[in-house]
Amino acid sequence: MKKLEATIRKSKFKEVKRALIEGGFNSFNYHLTRCISKESEKRYYRGVEFDSKATERISLSIYVENKKIDDVMNIIKSSGNSGDSGDSLIAIFNANLAYKLLGDENGDKLIEII
């Protein structure tokens, strides 16, 4: 099993989310994050321009079987592409152990899923 982490543009999140769900990957985590880079982002507040080095992005975390990692990468690359440089960052990590906590009437059970 692999863990894929992707940082994408905030404006492309709905497209990426829809594409992942349509591709059968409907279990993932995401959160808003800020990235510092050389590229500046211009923001306007009440007609005044501000130059900011921090850009808002969405960070996705997805656990995927080894044989499906290319499918997820292709979905994120195709749906998250806006044509600008610095669209996204994708990193893949080995997940050596993973457990799922399941609760039932007899109490909680920890089940190894890898």
PDB file of N, CA and C in Angstrom:
ATOM      1  N   MET A   1       0.840  -1.171   0.000  1.00  0.00           N
ATOM      2  CA  MET A   1       0.000   0.000   0.000  1.00  0.00           C
ATOM      3  C   MET A   1       0.890   1.239   0.000  1.00  0.00           C
ATOM      4  N   LYS A   2       0.416   2.274  -0.663  1.00  0.00           N
ATOM      5  CA  LYS A   2       1.146   3.532  -0.766  1.00  0.00           C
ATOM      6  C   LYS A   2       0.295   4.662  -0.207  1.00  0.00           C
ATOM      7  N   LYS A   3       0.955   5.698   0.256  1.00  0.00           N
ATOM      8  CA  LYS A   3       0.284   6.932   0.645  1.00  0.00           C
ATOM      9  C   LYS A   3       0.682   7.984  -0.366  1.00  0.00           C
ATOM     10  N   LEU A   4      -0.305   8.575  -1.015  1.00  0.00           N
ATOM     11  CA  LEU A   4      -0.056   9.622  -1.987  1.00  0.00           C
ATOM     12  C   LEU A   4      -0.479  10.946  -1.362  1.00  0.00           C
ATOM     13  N   GLU A   5       0.434  11.909  -1.357  1.00  0.00           N
ATOM     14  CA  GLU A   5       0.121  13.256  -0.892  1.00  0.00           C
ATOM     15  C   GLU A   5       0.238  14.194  -2.075  1.00  0.00           C
ATOM     16  N   ALA A   6      -0.795  14.978  -2.290  1.00  0.00           N
ATOM     17  CA  ALA A   6      -0.810  15.919  -3.403  1.00  0.00           C
ATOM     18  C   ALA A   6      -1.191  17.295  -2.877  1.00  0.00           C
ATOM     19  N   THR A   7      -0.490  18.300  -3.347  1.00  0.00           N
ATOM     20  CA  THR A   7      -0.814  19.684  -3.044  1.00  0.00           C
ATOM     21  C   THR A   7      -1.264  20.314  -4.348  1.00  0.00           C
ATOM     22  N   ILE A   8      -2.508  20.776  -4.381  1.00  0.00           N
ATOM     23  CA  ILE A   8      -3.090  21.289  -5.617  1.00  0.00           C
ATOM     24  C   ILE A   8      -3.612  22.711  -5.405  1.00  0.00           C
ATOM     25  N   ARG A   9      -3.881  23.391  -6.510  1.00  0.00           N
ATOM     26  CA  ARG A   9      -4.465  24.724  -6.440  1.00  0.00           C
ATOM     27  C   ARG A   9      -5.866  24.641  -5.846  1.00  0.00           C
ATOM     28  N   LYS A  10      -6.180  25.635  -5.045  1.00  0.00           N
ATOM     29  CA  LYS A  10      -7.496  25.682  -4.397  1.00  0.00           C
ATOM     30  C   LYS A  10      -8.613  25.745  -5.428  1.00  0.00           C
ATOM     31  N   SER A  11      -8.376  26.426  -6.530  1.00  0.00           N
ATOM     32  CA  SER A  11      -9.398  26.588  -7.566  1.00  0.00           C
ATOM     33  C   SER A  11      -9.684  25.292  -8.326  1.00  0.00           C
ATOM     34  N   LYS A  12      -8.794  24.305  -8.237  1.00  0.00           N
ATOM     35  CA  LYS A  12      -8.959  23.044  -8.961  1.00  0.00           C
ATOM     36  C   LYS A  12      -9.486  21.911  -8.072  1.00  0.00           C
ATOM     37  N   PHE A  13      -9.726  22.203  -6.799  1.00  0.00           N
ATOM     38  CA  PHE A  13     -10.101  21.132  -5.869  1.00  0.00           C
ATOM     39  C   PHE A  13     -11.401  20.443  -6.265  1.00  0.00           C
ATOM     40  N   LYS A  14     -12.437  21.180  -6.632  1.00  0.00           N
ATOM     41  CA  LYS A  14     -13.719  20.551  -6.976  1.00  0.00           C
ATOM     42  C   LYS A  14     -13.568  19.598  -8.154  1.00  0.00           C
ATOM     43  N   GLU A  15     -12.769  19.992  -9.141  1.00  0.00           N
ATOM     44  CA  GLU A  15     -12.553  19.124 -10.303  1.00  0.00           C
ATOM     45  C   GLU A  15     -11.803  17.854  -9.914  1.00  0.00           C
ATOM     46  N   VAL A  16     -10.757  18.013  -9.096  1.00  0.00           N
ATOM     47  CA  VAL A  16      -9.967  16.857  -8.666  1.00  0.00           C
ATOM     48  C   VAL A  16     -10.820  15.929  -7.810  1.00  0.00           C
ATOM     49  N   LYS A  17     -11.590  16.495  -6.880  1.00  0.00           N
ATOM     50  CA  LYS A  17     -12.456  15.689  -6.013  1.00  0.00           C
ATOM     51  C   LYS A  17     -13.471  14.908  -6.843  1.00  0.00           C
ATOM     52  N   ARG A  18     -14.105  15.572  -7.785  1.00  0.00           N
ATOM     53  CA  ARG A  18     -15.098  14.903  -8.635  1.00  0.00           C
ATOM     54  C   ARG A  18     -14.451  13.789  -9.448  1.00  0.00           C
ATOM     55  N   ALA A  19     -13.267  14.051 -10.010  1.00  0.00           N
ATOM     56  CA  ALA A  19     -12.573  13.051 -10.826  1.00  0.00           C
ATOM     57  C   ALA A  19     -12.145  11.846  -9.983  1.00  0.00           C
ATOM     58  N   LEU A  20     -11.672  12.083  -8.761  1.00  0.00           N
ATOM     59  CA  LEU A  20     -11.277  10.977  -7.890  1.00  0.00           C
ATOM     60  C   LEU A  20     -12.480  10.110  -7.529  1.00  0.00           C
ATOM     61  N   ILE A  21     -13.601  10.736  -7.190  1.00  0.00           N
ATOM     62  CA  ILE A  21     -14.800   9.981  -6.827  1.00  0.00           C
ATOM     63  C   ILE A  21     -15.321   9.194  -8.023  1.00  0.00           C
ATOM     64  N   GLU A  22     -15.341   9.822  -9.203  1.00  0.00           N
ATOM     65  CA  GLU A  22     -15.776   9.115 -10.408  1.00  0.00           C
ATOM     66  C   GLU A  22     -14.841   7.968 -10.766  1.00  0.00           C
ATOM     67  N   GLY A  23     -13.549   8.092 -10.404  1.00  0.00           N
ATOM     68  CA  GLY A  23     -12.574   7.046 -10.666  1.00  0.00           C
ATOM     69  C   GLY A  23     -12.597   5.931  -9.634  1.00  0.00           C
ATOM     70  N   GLY A  24     -13.477   6.035  -8.632  1.00  0.00           N
ATOM     71  CA  GLY A  24     -13.601   4.985  -7.629  1.00  0.00           C
ATOM     72  C   GLY A  24     -12.777   5.208  -6.377  1.00  0.00           C
ATOM     73  N   PHE A  25     -12.156   6.368  -6.250  1.00  0.00           N
ATOM     74  CA  PHE A  25     -11.336   6.678  -5.076  1.00  0.00           C
ATOM     75  C   PHE A  25     -12.108   7.677  -4.222  1.00  0.00           C
ATOM     76  N   ASN A  26     -12.988   7.169  -3.383  1.00  0.00           N
ATOM     77  CA  ASN A  26     -13.863   8.053  -2.624  1.00  0.00           C
ATOM     78  C   ASN A  26     -13.516   8.130  -1.143  1.00  0.00           C
ATOM     79  N   SER A  27     -12.328   7.733  -0.782  1.00  0.00           N
ATOM     80  CA  SER A  27     -11.892   7.814   0.601  1.00  0.00           C
ATOM     81  C   SER A  27     -10.530   8.499   0.649  1.00  0.00           C
ATOM     82  N   PHE A  28     -10.544   9.778   1.009  1.00  0.00           N
ATOM     83  CA  PHE A  28      -9.297  10.534   1.121  1.00  0.00           C
ATOM     84  C   PHE A  28      -9.505  11.702   2.077  1.00  0.00           C
ATOM     85  N   ASN A  29      -8.415  12.244   2.555  1.00  0.00           N
ATOM     86  CA  ASN A  29      -8.440  13.399   3.449  1.00  0.00           C
ATOM     87  C   ASN A  29      -7.940  14.615   2.683  1.00  0.00           C
ATOM     88  N   TYR A  30      -8.441  15.784   3.068  1.00  0.00           N
ATOM     89  CA  TYR A  30      -7.936  17.027   2.487  1.00  0.00           C
ATOM     90  C   TYR A  30      -8.000  18.136   3.527  1.00  0.00           C
ATOM     91  N   HIS A  31      -7.141  19.109   3.367  1.00  0.00           N
ATOM     92  CA  HIS A  31      -7.179  20.291   4.225  1.00  0.00           C
ATOM     93  C   HIS A  31      -6.536  21.476   3.509  1.00  0.00           C
ATOM     94  N   LEU A  32      -6.913  22.659   3.946  1.00  0.00           N
ATOM     95  CA  LEU A  32      -6.373  23.896   3.401  1.00  0.00           C
ATOM     96  C   LEU A  32      -4.976  24.113   3.956  1.00  0.00           C
ATOM     97  N   THR A  33      -4.061  24.491   3.109  1.00  0.00           N
ATOM     98  CA  THR A  33      -2.695  24.741   3.536  1.00  0.00           C
ATOM     99  C   THR A  33      -2.160  25.976   2.821  1.00  0.00           C
ATOM    100  N   ARG A  34      -1.091  26.518   3.290  1.00  0.00           N
ATOM    101  CA  ARG A  34      -0.441  27.660   2.639  1.00  0.00           C
ATOM    102  C   ARG A  34       0.978  27.258   2.278  1.00  0.00           C
ATOM    103  N   CYS A  35       1.384  27.643   1.093  1.00  0.00           N
ATOM    104  CA  CYS A  35       2.711  27.292   0.601  1.00  0.00           C
ATOM    105  C   CYS A  35       3.528  28.565   0.395  1.00  0.00           C
ATOM    106  N   ILE A  36       4.773  28.499   0.727  1.00  0.00           N
ATOM    107  CA  ILE A  36       5.700  29.600   0.494  1.00  0.00           C
ATOM    108  C   ILE A  36       6.524  29.235  -0.724  1.00  0.00           C
ATOM    109  N   SER A  37       6.603  30.151  -1.677  1.00  0.00           N
ATOM    110  CA  SER A  37       7.378  29.886  -2.884  1.00  0.00           C
ATOM    111  C   SER A  37       7.964  31.175  -3.417  1.00  0.00           C
ATOM    112  N   LYS A  38       8.812  31.048  -4.427  1.00  0.00           N
ATOM    113  CA  LYS A  38       9.407  32.225  -5.061  1.00  0.00           C
ATOM    114  C   LYS A  38       8.357  33.043  -5.798  1.00  0.00           C
ATOM    115  N   GLU A  39       7.379  32.320  -6.348  1.00  0.00           N
ATOM    116  CA  GLU A  39       6.323  32.998  -7.094  1.00  0.00           C
ATOM    117  C   GLU A  39       5.448  33.795  -6.141  1.00  0.00           C
ATOM    118  N   SER A  40       5.156  35.007  -6.504  1.00  0.00           N
ATOM    119  CA  SER A  40       4.288  35.816  -5.650  1.00  0.00           C
ATOM    120  C   SER A  40       2.862  35.749  -6.162  1.00  0.00           C
ATOM    121  N   GLU A  41       1.962  35.967  -5.283  1.00  0.00           N
ATOM    122  CA  GLU A  41       0.556  35.979  -5.646  1.00  0.00           C
ATOM    123  C   GLU A  41       0.009  37.355  -5.278  1.00  0.00           C
ATOM    124  N   LYS A  42      -0.605  38.022  -6.235  1.00  0.00           N
ATOM    125  CA  LYS A  42      -1.145  39.349  -5.979  1.00  0.00           C
ATOM    126  C   LYS A  42      -2.562  39.219  -5.452  1.00  0.00           C
ATOM    127  N   ARG A  43      -2.822  39.923  -4.371  1.00  0.00           N
ATOM    128  CA  ARG A  43      -4.148  39.950  -3.774  1.00  0.00           C
ATOM    129  C   ARG A  43      -4.601  41.400  -3.697  1.00  0.00           C
ATOM    130  N   TYR A  44      -5.900  41.581  -3.770  1.00  0.00           N
ATOM    131  CA  TYR A  44      -6.475  42.912  -3.714  1.00  0.00           C
ATOM    132  C   TYR A  44      -7.444  43.004  -2.541  1.00  0.00           C
ATOM    133  N   TYR A  45      -7.316  44.063  -1.781  1.00  0.00           N
ATOM    134  CA  TYR A  45      -8.234  44.331  -0.686  1.00  0.00           C
ATOM    135  C   TYR A  45      -8.614  45.791  -0.751  1.00  0.00           C
ATOM    136  N   ARG A  46      -9.884  46.054  -1.000  1.00  0.00           N
ATOM    137  CA  ARG A  46     -10.413  47.413  -1.121  1.00  0.00           C
ATOM    138  C   ARG A  46      -9.622  48.254  -2.114  1.00  0.00           C
ATOM    139  N   GLY A  47      -9.311  47.639  -3.231  1.00  0.00           N
ATOM    140  CA  GLY A  47      -8.634  48.348  -4.309  1.00  0.00           C
ATOM    141  C   GLY A  47      -7.132  48.493  -4.150  1.00  0.00           C
ATOM    142  N   VAL A  48      -6.575  47.976  -3.066  1.00  0.00           N
ATOM    143  CA  VAL A  48      -5.129  48.069  -2.837  1.00  0.00           C
ATOM    144  C   VAL A  48      -4.508  46.712  -3.135  1.00  0.00           C
ATOM    145  N   GLU A  49      -3.425  46.722  -3.907  1.00  0.00           N
ATOM    146  CA  GLU A  49      -2.755  45.478  -4.277  1.00  0.00           C
ATOM    147  C   GLU A  49      -1.735  45.094  -3.221  1.00  0.00           C
ATOM    148  N   PHE A  50      -1.776  43.823  -2.798  1.00  0.00           N
ATOM    149  CA  PHE A  50      -0.809  43.285  -1.860  1.00  0.00           C
ATOM    150  C   PHE A  50      -0.092  42.140  -2.541  1.00  0.00           C
ATOM    151  N   ASP A  51       1.226  42.073  -2.364  1.00  0.00           N
ATOM    152  CA  ASP A  51       2.023  40.996  -2.931  1.00  0.00           C
ATOM    153  C   ASP A  51       2.325  40.011  -1.808  1.00  0.00           C
ATOM    154  N   SER A  52       1.908  38.775  -1.985  1.00  0.00           N
ATOM    155  CA  SER A  52       2.065  37.769  -0.943  1.00  0.00           C
ATOM    156  C   SER A  52       2.908  36.611  -1.454  1.00  0.00           C
ATOM    157  N   LYS A  53       3.828  36.148  -0.653  1.00  0.00           N
ATOM    158  CA  LYS A  53       4.632  34.978  -1.017  1.00  0.00           C
ATOM    159  C   LYS A  53       3.924  33.687  -0.633  1.00  0.00           C
ATOM    160  N   ALA A  54       2.925  33.758   0.246  1.00  0.00           N
ATOM    161  CA  ALA A  54       2.188  32.565   0.663  1.00  0.00           C
ATOM    162  C   ALA A  54       0.972  32.390  -0.235  1.00  0.00           C
ATOM    163  N   THR A  55       0.847  31.212  -0.822  1.00  0.00           N
ATOM    164  CA  THR A  55      -0.302  30.908  -1.675  1.00  0.00           C
ATOM    165  C   THR A  55      -1.136  29.821  -1.009  1.00  0.00           C
ATOM    166  N   GLU A  56      -2.440  29.916  -1.175  1.00  0.00           N
ATOM    167  CA  GLU A  56      -3.327  28.916  -0.593  1.00  0.00           C
ATOM    168  C   GLU A  56      -3.437  27.719  -1.525  1.00  0.00           C
ATOM    169  N   ARG A  57      -3.340  26.546  -0.959  1.00  0.00           N
ATOM    170  CA  ARG A  57      -3.451  25.296  -1.699  1.00  0.00           C
ATOM    171  C   ARG A  57      -4.300  24.322  -0.879  1.00  0.00           C
ATOM    172  N   ILE A  58      -4.666  23.231  -1.509  1.00  0.00           N
ATOM    173  CA  ILE A  58      -5.354  22.131  -0.831  1.00  0.00           C
ATOM    174  C   ILE A  58      -4.394  20.950  -0.819  1.00  0.00           C
ATOM    175  N   SER A  59      -4.271  20.320   0.338  1.00  0.00           N
ATOM    176  CA  SER A  59      -3.415  19.150   0.480  1.00  0.00           C
ATOM    177  C   SER A  59      -4.302  17.909   0.596  1.00  0.00           C
ATOM    178  N   LEU A  60      -4.054  16.916  -0.262  1.00  0.00           N
ATOM    179  CA  LEU A  60      -4.805  15.660  -0.276  1.00  0.00           C
ATOM    180  C   LEU A  60      -3.924  14.530   0.238  1.00  0.00           C
ATOM    181  N   SER A  61      -4.497  13.616   0.992  1.00  0.00           N
ATOM    182  CA  SER A  61      -3.816  12.395   1.423  1.00  0.00           C
ATOM    183  C   SER A  61      -4.698  11.215   1.048  1.00  0.00           C
ATOM    184  N   ILE A  62      -4.133  10.289   0.277  1.00  0.00           N
ATOM    185  CA  ILE A  62      -4.899   9.137  -0.190  1.00  0.00           C
ATOM    186  C   ILE A  62      -4.060   7.879   0.021  1.00  0.00           C
ATOM    187  N   TYR A  63      -4.664   6.859   0.626  1.00  0.00           N
ATOM    188  CA  TYR A  63      -4.016   5.556   0.747  1.00  0.00           C
ATOM    189  C   TYR A  63      -4.527   4.685  -0.388  1.00  0.00           C
ATOM    190  N   VAL A  64      -3.591   4.119  -1.158  1.00  0.00           N
ATOM    191  CA  VAL A  64      -3.949   3.421  -2.383  1.00  0.00           C
ATOM    192  C   VAL A  64      -3.177   2.104  -2.465  1.00  0.00           C
ATOM    193  N   GLU A  65      -3.823   1.102  -3.043  1.00  0.00           N
ATOM    194  CA  GLU A  65      -3.125  -0.154  -3.327  1.00  0.00           C
ATOM    195  C   GLU A  65      -2.039   0.115  -4.367  1.00  0.00           C
ATOM    196  N   ASN A  66      -0.959  -0.663  -4.314  1.00  0.00           N
ATOM    197  CA  ASN A  66       0.181  -0.445  -5.211  1.00  0.00           C
ATOM    198  C   ASN A  66      -0.215  -0.447  -6.678  1.00  0.00           C
ATOM    199  N   LYS A  67      -1.119  -1.338  -7.078  1.00  0.00           N
ATOM    200  CA  LYS A  67      -1.471  -1.457  -8.492  1.00  0.00           C
ATOM    201  C   LYS A  67      -2.340  -0.304  -8.994  1.00  0.00           C
ATOM    202  N   LYS A  68      -2.910   0.493  -8.081  1.00  0.00           N
ATOM    203  CA  LYS A  68      -3.780   1.597  -8.497  1.00  0.00           C
ATOM    204  C   LYS A  68      -3.128   2.970  -8.368  1.00  0.00           C
ATOM    205  N   ILE A  69      -1.863   3.017  -7.979  1.00  0.00           N
ATOM    206  CA  ILE A  69      -1.200   4.309  -7.748  1.00  0.00           C
ATOM    207  C   ILE A  69      -1.090   5.132  -9.031  1.00  0.00           C
ATOM    208  N   ASP A  70      -0.824   4.486 -10.160  1.00  0.00           N
ATOM    209  CA  ASP A  70      -0.729   5.218 -11.426  1.00  0.00           C
ATOM    210  C   ASP A  70      -2.072   5.827 -11.826  1.00  0.00           C
ATOM    211  N   ASP A  71      -3.164   5.120 -11.552  1.00  0.00           N
ATOM    212  CA  ASP A  71      -4.493   5.638 -11.863  1.00  0.00           C
ATOM    213  C   ASP A  71      -4.775   6.926 -11.088  1.00  0.00           C
ATOM    214  N   VAL A  72      -4.460   6.929  -9.792  1.00  0.00           N
ATOM    215  CA  VAL A  72      -4.692   8.110  -8.958  1.00  0.00           C
ATOM    216  C   VAL A  72      -3.818   9.269  -9.424  1.00  0.00           C
ATOM    217  N   MET A  73      -2.563   8.983  -9.719  1.00  0.00           N
ATOM    218  CA  MET A  73      -1.662  10.043 -10.193  1.00  0.00           C
ATOM    219  C   MET A  73      -2.170  10.658 -11.486  1.00  0.00           C
ATOM    220  N   ASN A  74      -2.613   9.843 -12.422  1.00  0.00           N
ATOM    221  CA  ASN A  74      -3.126  10.357 -13.692  1.00  0.00           C
ATOM    222  C   ASN A  74      -4.387  11.195 -13.498  1.00  0.00           C
ATOM    223  N   ILE A  75      -5.255  10.780 -12.583  1.00  0.00           N
ATOM    224  CA  ILE A  75      -6.459  11.559 -12.302  1.00  0.00           C
ATOM    225  C   ILE A  75      -6.100  12.933 -11.746  1.00  0.00           C
ATOM    226  N   ILE A  76      -5.181  12.971 -10.800  1.00  0.00           N
ATOM    227  CA  ILE A  76      -4.803  14.244 -10.190  1.00  0.00           C
ATOM    228  C   ILE A  76      -4.078  15.130 -11.197  1.00  0.00           C
ATOM    229  N   LYS A  77      -3.178  14.537 -11.994  1.00  0.00           N
ATOM    230  CA  LYS A  77      -2.447  15.332 -12.986  1.00  0.00           C
ATOM    231  C   LYS A  77      -3.370  15.911 -14.042  1.00  0.00           C
ATOM    232  N   SER A  78      -4.326  15.128 -14.519  1.00  0.00           N
ATOM    233  CA  SER A  78      -5.194  15.614 -15.597  1.00  0.00           C
ATOM    234  C   SER A  78      -6.246  16.601 -15.094  1.00  0.00           C
ATOM    235  N   SER A  79      -6.857  16.326 -13.949  1.00  0.00           N
ATOM    236  CA  SER A  79      -7.918  17.215 -13.472  1.00  0.00           C
ATOM    237  C   SER A  79      -7.389  18.413 -12.698  1.00  0.00           C
ATOM    238  N   GLY A  80      -6.171  18.340 -12.177  1.00  0.00           N
ATOM    239  CA  GLY A  80      -5.611  19.443 -11.397  1.00  0.00           C
ATOM    240  C   GLY A  80      -4.749  20.389 -12.192  1.00  0.00           C
ATOM    241  N   ASN A  81      -4.619  20.157 -13.486  1.00  0.00           N
ATOM    242  CA  ASN A  81      -3.742  20.978 -14.329  1.00  0.00           C
ATOM    243  C   ASN A  81      -4.465  22.240 -14.784  1.00  0.00           C
ATOM    244  N   SER A  82      -3.854  23.403 -14.537  1.00  0.00           N
ATOM    245  CA  SER A  82      -4.435  24.666 -14.998  1.00  0.00           C
ATOM    246  C   SER A  82      -3.597  25.292 -16.096  1.00  0.00           C
ATOM    247  N   GLY A  83      -2.451  24.711 -16.395  1.00  0.00           N
ATOM    248  CA  GLY A  83      -1.585  25.252 -17.428  1.00  0.00           C
ATOM    249  C   GLY A  83      -0.509  26.182 -16.895  1.00  0.00           C
ATOM    250  N   ASP A  84      -0.619  26.589 -15.641  1.00  0.00           N
ATOM    251  CA  ASP A  84       0.390  27.453 -15.032  1.00  0.00           C
ATOM    252  C   ASP A  84       1.471  26.605 -14.376  1.00  0.00           C
ATOM    253  N   SER A  85       2.641  27.214 -14.203  1.00  0.00           N
ATOM    254  CA  SER A  85       3.694  26.486 -13.502  1.00  0.00           C
ATOM    255  C   SER A  85       3.341  26.416 -12.018  1.00  0.00           C
ATOM    256  N   GLY A  86       3.795  25.394 -11.365  1.00  0.00           N
ATOM    257  CA  GLY A  86       3.527  25.226  -9.944  1.00  0.00           C
ATOM    258  C   GLY A  86       2.112  24.776  -9.646  1.00  0.00           C
ATOM    259  N   ASP A  87       1.499  24.053 -10.593  1.00  0.00           N
ATOM    260  CA  ASP A  87       0.129  23.588 -10.405  1.00  0.00           C
ATOM    261  C   ASP A  87      -0.014  22.686  -9.200  1.00  0.00           C
ATOM    262  N   SER A  88       0.835  21.678  -9.111  1.00  0.00           N
ATOM    263  CA  SER A  88       0.663  20.721  -8.029  1.00  0.00           C
ATOM    264  C   SER A  88       1.976  20.024  -7.714  1.00  0.00           C
ATOM    265  N   LEU A  89       1.966  19.369  -6.579  1.00  0.00           N
ATOM    266  CA  LEU A  89       3.093  18.561  -6.129  1.00  0.00           C
ATOM    267  C   LEU A  89       2.506  17.232  -5.698  1.00  0.00           C
ATOM    268  N   ILE A  90       3.090  16.148  -6.172  1.00  0.00           N
ATOM    269  CA  ILE A  90       2.627  14.815  -5.796  1.00  0.00           C
ATOM    270  C   ILE A  90       3.815  14.058  -5.208  1.00  0.00           C
ATOM    271  N   ALA A  91       3.612  13.484  -4.020  1.00  0.00           N
ATOM    272  CA  ALA A  91       4.647  12.679  -3.374  1.00  0.00           C
ATOM    273  C   ALA A  91       4.031  11.339  -2.997  1.00  0.00           C
ATOM    274  N   ILE A  92       4.816  10.275  -3.140  1.00  0.00           N
ATOM    275  CA  ILE A  92       4.338   8.926  -2.843  1.00  0.00           C
ATOM    276  C   ILE A  92       5.242   8.318  -1.776  1.00  0.00           C
ATOM    277  N   PHE A  93       4.610   7.732  -0.757  1.00  0.00           N
ATOM    278  CA  PHE A  93       5.326   7.117   0.353  1.00  0.00           C
ATOM    279  C   PHE A  93       4.859   5.677   0.512  1.00  0.00           C
ATOM    280  N   ASN A  94       5.746   4.823   0.991  1.00  0.00           N
ATOM    281  CA  ASN A  94       5.354   3.453   1.328  1.00  0.00           C
ATOM    282  C   ASN A  94       4.618   3.455   2.660  1.00  0.00           C
ATOM    283  N   ALA A  95       3.509   2.768   2.711  1.00  0.00           N
ATOM    284  CA  ALA A  95       2.773   2.598   3.960  1.00  0.00           C
ATOM    285  C   ALA A  95       3.034   1.177   4.436  1.00  0.00           C
ATOM    286  N   ASN A  96       3.912   1.033   5.408  1.00  0.00           N
ATOM    287  CA  ASN A  96       4.305  -0.294   5.868  1.00  0.00           C
ATOM    288  C   ASN A  96       3.225  -0.976   6.686  1.00  0.00           C
ATOM    289  N   LEU A  97       2.541  -0.227   7.532  1.00  0.00           N
ATOM    290  CA  LEU A  97       1.468  -0.769   8.357  1.00  0.00           C
ATOM    291  C   LEU A  97       0.309   0.211   8.371  1.00  0.00           C
ATOM    292  N   ALA A  98      -0.896  -0.327   8.349  1.00  0.00           N
ATOM    293  CA  ALA A  98      -2.087   0.502   8.489  1.00  0.00           C
ATOM    294  C   ALA A  98      -3.129  -0.293   9.240  1.00  0.00           C
ATOM    295  N   TYR A  99      -3.828   0.374  10.128  1.00  0.00           N
ATOM    296  CA  TYR A  99      -4.856  -0.270  10.939  1.00  0.00           C
ATOM    297  C   TYR A  99      -6.144   0.531  10.843  1.00  0.00           C
ATOM    298  N   LYS A 100      -7.256  -0.163  10.948  1.00  0.00           N
ATOM    299  CA  LYS A 100      -8.560   0.480  10.977  1.00  0.00           C
ATOM    300  C   LYS A 100      -9.217   0.129  12.305  1.00  0.00           C
ATOM    301  N   LEU A 101      -9.729   1.143  12.992  1.00  0.00           N
ATOM    302  CA  LEU A 101     -10.405   0.935  14.261  1.00  0.00           C
ATOM    303  C   LEU A 101     -11.888   0.769  13.990  1.00  0.00           C
ATOM    304  N   LEU A 102     -12.413  -0.413  14.305  1.00  0.00           N
ATOM    305  CA  LEU A 102     -13.826  -0.709  14.108  1.00  0.00           C
ATOM    306  C   LEU A 102     -14.485  -0.928  15.450  1.00  0.00           C
ATOM    307  N   GLY A 103     -15.609  -0.286  15.669  1.00  0.00           N
ATOM    308  CA  GLY A 103     -16.338  -0.460  16.918  1.00  0.00           C
ATOM    309  C   GLY A 103     -17.602  -1.260  16.687  1.00  0.00           C
ATOM    310  N   ASP A 104     -17.913  -2.126  17.607  1.00  0.00           N
ATOM    311  CA  ASP A 104     -19.172  -2.872  17.557  1.00  0.00           C
ATOM    312  C   ASP A 104     -19.676  -3.067  18.983  1.00  0.00           C
ATOM    313  N   GLU A 105     -20.679  -3.895  19.154  1.00  0.00           N
ATOM    314  CA  GLU A 105     -21.274  -4.087  20.478  1.00  0.00           C
ATOM    315  C   GLU A 105     -20.323  -4.751  21.467  1.00  0.00           C
ATOM    316  N   ASN A 106     -19.310  -5.477  20.980  1.00  0.00           N
ATOM    317  CA  ASN A 106     -18.341  -6.144  21.847  1.00  0.00           C
ATOM    318  C   ASN A 106     -17.150  -5.255  22.188  1.00  0.00           C
ATOM    319  N   GLY A 107     -17.105  -4.049  21.670  1.00  0.00           N
ATOM    320  CA  GLY A 107     -15.981  -3.152  21.914  1.00  0.00           C
ATOM    321  C   GLY A 107     -15.230  -2.844  20.639  1.00  0.00           C
ATOM    322  N   ASP A 108     -14.189  -2.082  20.774  1.00  0.00           N
ATOM    323  CA  ASP A 108     -13.390  -1.682  19.632  1.00  0.00           C
ATOM    324  C   ASP A 108     -12.436  -2.792  19.219  1.00  0.00           C
ATOM    325  N   LYS A 109     -12.241  -2.917  17.902  1.00  0.00           N
ATOM    326  CA  LYS A 109     -11.285  -3.880  17.358  1.00  0.00           C
ATOM    327  C   LYS A 109     -10.339  -3.120  16.446  1.00  0.00           C
ATOM    328  N   LEU A 110      -9.085  -3.442  16.521  1.00  0.00           N
ATOM    329  CA  LEU A 110      -8.083  -2.856  15.646  1.00  0.00           C
ATOM    330  C   LEU A 110      -7.749  -3.886  14.581  1.00  0.00           C
ATOM    331  N   ILE A 111      -8.029  -3.575  13.332  1.00  0.00           N
ATOM    332  CA  ILE A 111      -7.834  -4.528  12.242  1.00  0.00           C
ATOM    333  C   ILE A 111      -6.722  -4.045  11.323  1.00  0.00           C
ATOM    334  N   GLU A 112      -5.747  -4.904  11.099  1.00  0.00           N
ATOM    335  CA  GLU A 112      -4.656  -4.561  10.191  1.00  0.00           C
ATOM    336  C   GLU A 112      -5.179  -4.656   8.756  1.00  0.00           C
ATOM    337  N   ILE A 113      -4.930  -3.593   7.958  1.00  0.00           N
ATOM    338  CA  ILE A 113      -5.453  -3.590   6.585  1.00  0.00           C
ATOM    339  C   ILE A 113      -4.360  -3.723   5.534  1.00  0.00           C
ATOM    340  N   ILE A 114      -3.131  -3.873   5.961  1.00  0.00           N
ATOM    341  CA  ILE A 114      -2.066  -4.101   4.992  1.00  0.00           C
ATOM    342  C   ILE A 114      -1.490  -5.473   5.216  1.00  0.00           C
TER     343      ILE A 114
END
